[in-house]
């Protein structure tokens, strides 16, 4: 059984208003970050790992040189939930510090 309810399209649209650079792609919250170099990109991922583990909510993400691509979905709920929105906000805060 799902731990968190899947958000409605209206709730997702409202959440996106406060998440610059985020969009819905393939049913997931999606964002691509670009950093000055690999060290900053990897540093962002390493710093994010602590917050991610504390939430026990893990993203689908990848890194190539200075770019980090993030997709958020709550698999147990088969869609975007408040957990994804909360994690996106945390990632935004961390990315601002790494830029």
N, C-alpha and C. Protein backbone atom coordinates (compact mmCIF):
# COMPACT_ATOMS: atom_id res chain seq x y z
N UNK A 1 0.83 -1.18 0.00
CA UNK A 1 0.00 0.00 0.00
C UNK A 1 0.89 1.25 0.00
N UNK A 2 0.47 2.26 -0.74
CA UNK A 2 1.24 3.48 -0.88
C UNK A 2 1.30 4.25 0.44
N UNK A 3 2.48 4.74 0.76
CA UNK A 3 2.69 5.53 1.98
C UNK A 3 2.15 6.95 1.82
N UNK A 4 2.25 7.47 0.63
CA UNK A 4 1.84 8.84 0.35
C UNK A 4 0.95 8.88 -0.88
N UNK A 5 -0.04 9.76 -0.83
CA UNK A 5 -0.99 9.86 -1.94
C UNK A 5 -0.35 10.57 -3.13
N UNK A 6 -0.69 10.06 -4.29
CA UNK A 6 -0.27 10.67 -5.54
C UNK A 6 -0.92 12.05 -5.65
N UNK A 7 -0.13 13.07 -6.02
CA UNK A 7 -0.68 14.42 -6.15
C UNK A 7 -1.52 14.54 -7.43
N UNK A 8 -2.49 15.43 -7.39
CA UNK A 8 -3.29 15.71 -8.58
C UNK A 8 -2.48 16.61 -9.52
N UNK A 9 -2.94 16.73 -10.74
CA UNK A 9 -2.26 17.61 -11.70
C UNK A 9 -2.26 19.05 -11.20
N UNK A 10 -3.33 19.48 -10.58
CA UNK A 10 -3.41 20.85 -10.03
C UNK A 10 -2.41 21.03 -8.89
N UNK A 11 -2.29 20.03 -8.03
CA UNK A 11 -1.33 20.11 -6.93
C UNK A 11 0.11 20.14 -7.45
N UNK A 12 0.39 19.36 -8.47
CA UNK A 12 1.72 19.36 -9.07
C UNK A 12 2.00 20.71 -9.71
N UNK A 13 1.04 21.25 -10.44
CA UNK A 13 1.21 22.56 -11.09
C UNK A 13 1.49 23.64 -10.04
N UNK A 14 0.79 23.58 -8.94
CA UNK A 14 1.00 24.53 -7.85
C UNK A 14 2.40 24.39 -7.27
N UNK A 15 2.84 23.17 -7.05
CA UNK A 15 4.18 22.92 -6.51
C UNK A 15 5.26 23.42 -7.46
N UNK A 16 5.05 23.25 -8.76
CA UNK A 16 6.04 23.67 -9.75
C UNK A 16 6.23 25.19 -9.77
N UNK A 17 5.22 25.93 -9.35
CA UNK A 17 5.34 27.39 -9.30
C UNK A 17 6.47 27.82 -8.37
N UNK A 18 6.75 27.02 -7.37
CA UNK A 18 7.82 27.34 -6.43
C UNK A 18 9.11 26.58 -6.67
N UNK A 19 9.19 25.88 -7.80
CA UNK A 19 10.37 25.07 -8.11
C UNK A 19 10.93 25.47 -9.48
N UNK A 20 11.72 26.49 -9.49
CA UNK A 20 12.31 27.00 -10.74
C UNK A 20 13.15 25.92 -11.43
N UNK A 21 12.92 25.75 -12.71
CA UNK A 21 13.69 24.79 -13.49
C UNK A 21 13.13 23.38 -13.50
N UNK A 22 12.16 23.10 -12.65
CA UNK A 22 11.56 21.77 -12.59
C UNK A 22 10.37 21.70 -13.53
N UNK A 23 10.13 20.51 -14.06
CA UNK A 23 8.98 20.26 -14.92
C UNK A 23 8.56 18.81 -14.75
N UNK A 24 7.43 18.48 -15.31
CA UNK A 24 7.00 17.08 -15.32
C UNK A 24 7.40 16.50 -16.67
N UNK A 25 8.14 15.41 -16.61
CA UNK A 25 8.56 14.71 -17.83
C UNK A 25 8.40 13.22 -17.59
N UNK A 26 7.64 12.59 -18.45
CA UNK A 26 7.38 11.14 -18.34
C UNK A 26 6.81 10.77 -16.98
N UNK A 27 5.93 11.63 -16.43
CA UNK A 27 5.26 11.34 -15.17
C UNK A 27 6.12 11.52 -13.94
N UNK A 28 7.27 12.18 -14.09
CA UNK A 28 8.20 12.39 -12.98
C UNK A 28 8.56 13.86 -12.89
N UNK A 29 8.90 14.33 -11.68
CA UNK A 29 9.48 15.66 -11.56
C UNK A 29 10.88 15.58 -12.13
N UNK A 30 11.21 16.50 -13.03
CA UNK A 30 12.47 16.42 -13.77
C UNK A 30 13.22 17.75 -13.69
N UNK A 31 14.54 17.65 -13.51
CA UNK A 31 15.38 18.86 -13.48
C UNK A 31 16.77 18.48 -13.94
N UNK A 32 17.38 19.37 -14.72
CA UNK A 32 18.77 19.20 -15.11
C UNK A 32 19.56 20.36 -14.55
N UNK A 33 20.58 20.03 -13.77
CA UNK A 33 21.45 21.03 -13.17
C UNK A 33 22.75 21.09 -13.96
N UNK A 34 23.28 22.28 -14.13
CA UNK A 34 24.59 22.46 -14.74
C UNK A 34 25.47 23.22 -13.75
N UNK A 35 26.63 22.66 -13.47
CA UNK A 35 27.57 23.24 -12.53
C UNK A 35 28.84 23.67 -13.27
N UNK A 36 29.72 24.42 -12.61
CA UNK A 36 30.92 24.89 -13.30
C UNK A 36 31.84 23.77 -13.80
N UNK A 37 31.84 22.63 -13.09
CA UNK A 37 32.73 21.53 -13.48
C UNK A 37 32.28 20.25 -12.78
N UNK A 38 33.03 19.19 -13.02
CA UNK A 38 32.69 17.88 -12.45
C UNK A 38 32.74 17.90 -10.92
N UNK A 39 33.73 18.57 -10.36
CA UNK A 39 33.86 18.59 -8.90
C UNK A 39 32.62 19.19 -8.25
N UNK A 40 32.10 20.27 -8.81
CA UNK A 40 30.88 20.88 -8.25
C UNK A 40 29.67 19.98 -8.44
N UNK A 41 29.56 19.35 -9.60
CA UNK A 41 28.44 18.44 -9.85
C UNK A 41 28.48 17.25 -8.90
N UNK A 42 29.65 16.67 -8.74
CA UNK A 42 29.79 15.52 -7.85
C UNK A 42 29.61 15.95 -6.40
N UNK A 43 30.09 17.13 -6.06
CA UNK A 43 29.89 17.66 -4.71
C UNK A 43 28.42 17.83 -4.38
N UNK A 44 27.65 18.31 -5.37
CA UNK A 44 26.20 18.43 -5.20
C UNK A 44 25.58 17.07 -4.91
N UNK A 45 25.98 16.06 -5.66
CA UNK A 45 25.42 14.73 -5.46
C UNK A 45 25.81 14.18 -4.09
N UNK A 46 27.06 14.39 -3.69
CA UNK A 46 27.52 13.88 -2.39
C UNK A 46 26.79 14.59 -1.25
N UNK A 47 26.65 15.90 -1.35
CA UNK A 47 25.94 16.65 -0.30
C UNK A 47 24.46 16.25 -0.26
N UNK A 48 23.88 16.03 -1.42
CA UNK A 48 22.48 15.65 -1.51
C UNK A 48 22.23 14.26 -0.93
N UNK A 49 23.22 13.40 -1.02
CA UNK A 49 23.06 12.02 -0.55
C UNK A 49 22.67 11.97 0.93
N UNK A 50 23.18 12.89 1.73
CA UNK A 50 22.86 12.89 3.16
C UNK A 50 21.38 13.20 3.36
N UNK A 51 20.88 14.24 2.68
CA UNK A 51 19.45 14.59 2.78
C UNK A 51 18.57 13.49 2.21
N UNK A 52 19.00 12.93 1.12
CA UNK A 52 18.24 11.86 0.46
C UNK A 52 18.11 10.65 1.38
N UNK A 53 19.20 10.27 1.98
CA UNK A 53 19.18 9.10 2.87
C UNK A 53 18.33 9.37 4.11
N UNK A 54 18.41 10.59 4.63
CA UNK A 54 17.60 10.95 5.81
C UNK A 54 16.11 10.86 5.50
N UNK A 55 15.74 11.19 4.26
CA UNK A 55 14.33 11.10 3.84
C UNK A 55 13.95 9.66 3.47
N UNK A 56 14.95 8.83 3.21
CA UNK A 56 14.72 7.48 2.69
C UNK A 56 13.87 7.53 1.42
N UNK A 57 14.22 8.51 0.59
CA UNK A 57 13.50 8.70 -0.68
C UNK A 57 14.55 9.00 -1.74
N UNK A 58 14.81 8.05 -2.60
CA UNK A 58 15.97 8.10 -3.48
C UNK A 58 15.58 8.46 -4.92
N UNK A 59 16.32 9.41 -5.50
CA UNK A 59 16.01 9.86 -6.86
C UNK A 59 16.56 8.91 -7.92
N UNK A 60 16.05 9.07 -9.11
CA UNK A 60 16.68 8.51 -10.29
C UNK A 60 17.55 9.66 -10.80
N UNK A 61 18.85 9.48 -10.82
CA UNK A 61 19.71 10.57 -11.27
C UNK A 61 20.95 10.06 -11.96
N UNK A 62 21.57 10.96 -12.73
CA UNK A 62 22.80 10.61 -13.43
C UNK A 62 23.68 11.85 -13.51
N UNK A 63 24.96 11.60 -13.71
CA UNK A 63 25.94 12.67 -13.80
C UNK A 63 26.85 12.43 -14.99
N UNK A 64 27.02 13.45 -15.81
CA UNK A 64 28.02 13.45 -16.87
C UNK A 64 28.72 14.80 -16.78
N UNK A 65 29.99 14.76 -16.52
CA UNK A 65 30.87 15.90 -16.31
C UNK A 65 30.25 16.94 -15.39
N UNK A 66 29.73 18.05 -15.92
CA UNK A 66 29.22 19.13 -15.06
C UNK A 66 27.70 19.12 -14.94
N UNK A 67 27.07 18.08 -15.43
CA UNK A 67 25.60 18.02 -15.46
C UNK A 67 25.08 16.91 -14.55
N UNK A 68 24.00 17.22 -13.82
CA UNK A 68 23.30 16.22 -13.03
C UNK A 68 21.83 16.25 -13.44
N UNK A 69 21.32 15.11 -13.87
CA UNK A 69 19.93 14.99 -14.29
C UNK A 69 19.18 14.24 -13.19
N UNK A 70 18.06 14.83 -12.73
CA UNK A 70 17.30 14.26 -11.62
C UNK A 70 15.86 14.01 -12.04
N UNK A 71 15.35 12.83 -11.73
CA UNK A 71 13.94 12.50 -11.91
C UNK A 71 13.42 11.99 -10.57
N UNK A 72 12.29 12.54 -10.14
CA UNK A 72 11.70 12.16 -8.86
C UNK A 72 10.30 11.59 -9.07
N UNK A 73 10.08 10.44 -8.47
CA UNK A 73 8.77 9.78 -8.48
C UNK A 73 8.71 8.88 -7.25
N UNK A 74 7.53 8.73 -6.70
CA UNK A 74 7.34 7.81 -5.58
C UNK A 74 6.78 6.52 -6.17
N UNK A 75 7.65 5.54 -6.32
CA UNK A 75 7.26 4.29 -6.99
C UNK A 75 6.12 3.58 -6.27
N UNK A 76 6.12 3.62 -4.93
CA UNK A 76 5.04 2.98 -4.17
C UNK A 76 3.67 3.56 -4.50
N UNK A 77 3.64 4.83 -4.90
CA UNK A 77 2.38 5.51 -5.22
C UNK A 77 2.14 5.61 -6.72
N UNK A 78 3.09 5.15 -7.51
CA UNK A 78 3.01 5.21 -8.98
C UNK A 78 2.79 6.64 -9.49
N UNK A 79 3.46 7.58 -8.85
CA UNK A 79 3.33 8.96 -9.31
C UNK A 79 4.08 9.92 -8.40
N UNK A 80 3.86 11.19 -8.65
CA UNK A 80 4.51 12.26 -7.89
C UNK A 80 3.73 12.49 -6.60
N UNK A 81 4.45 12.54 -5.48
CA UNK A 81 3.84 12.77 -4.17
C UNK A 81 4.54 13.95 -3.49
N UNK A 82 4.05 14.28 -2.32
CA UNK A 82 4.65 15.36 -1.53
C UNK A 82 6.12 15.06 -1.22
N UNK A 83 6.48 13.80 -1.10
CA UNK A 83 7.88 13.43 -0.88
C UNK A 83 8.77 13.94 -2.00
N UNK A 84 8.30 13.82 -3.24
CA UNK A 84 9.08 14.27 -4.38
C UNK A 84 9.24 15.79 -4.37
N UNK A 85 8.17 16.49 -4.01
CA UNK A 85 8.21 17.95 -3.94
C UNK A 85 9.18 18.38 -2.84
N UNK A 86 9.12 17.73 -1.69
CA UNK A 86 10.01 18.07 -0.58
C UNK A 86 11.47 17.82 -0.95
N UNK A 87 11.74 16.71 -1.63
CA UNK A 87 13.10 16.42 -2.04
C UNK A 87 13.57 17.42 -3.09
N UNK A 88 12.72 17.79 -4.02
CA UNK A 88 13.08 18.78 -5.03
C UNK A 88 13.48 20.10 -4.36
N UNK A 89 12.75 20.51 -3.34
CA UNK A 89 13.07 21.75 -2.61
C UNK A 89 14.44 21.63 -1.93
N UNK A 90 14.72 20.49 -1.33
CA UNK A 90 16.02 20.30 -0.69
C UNK A 90 17.14 20.33 -1.72
N UNK A 91 16.92 19.70 -2.87
CA UNK A 91 17.93 19.70 -3.91
C UNK A 91 18.19 21.11 -4.43
N UNK A 92 17.13 21.89 -4.57
CA UNK A 92 17.29 23.29 -5.00
C UNK A 92 18.17 24.06 -4.03
N UNK A 93 17.91 23.90 -2.74
CA UNK A 93 18.69 24.59 -1.72
C UNK A 93 20.16 24.20 -1.78
N UNK A 94 20.42 22.91 -1.93
CA UNK A 94 21.80 22.44 -2.02
C UNK A 94 22.47 22.90 -3.31
N UNK A 95 21.76 22.90 -4.41
CA UNK A 95 22.34 23.32 -5.70
C UNK A 95 22.73 24.79 -5.66
N UNK A 96 21.94 25.62 -4.99
CA UNK A 96 22.26 27.04 -4.88
C UNK A 96 23.62 27.24 -4.19
N UNK A 97 23.90 26.40 -3.21
CA UNK A 97 25.17 26.52 -2.49
C UNK A 97 26.36 26.02 -3.30
N UNK A 98 26.10 25.14 -4.28
CA UNK A 98 27.19 24.54 -5.06
C UNK A 98 27.52 25.33 -6.33
N UNK A 99 26.67 26.26 -6.69
CA UNK A 99 26.86 26.99 -7.96
C UNK A 99 28.06 27.91 -7.92
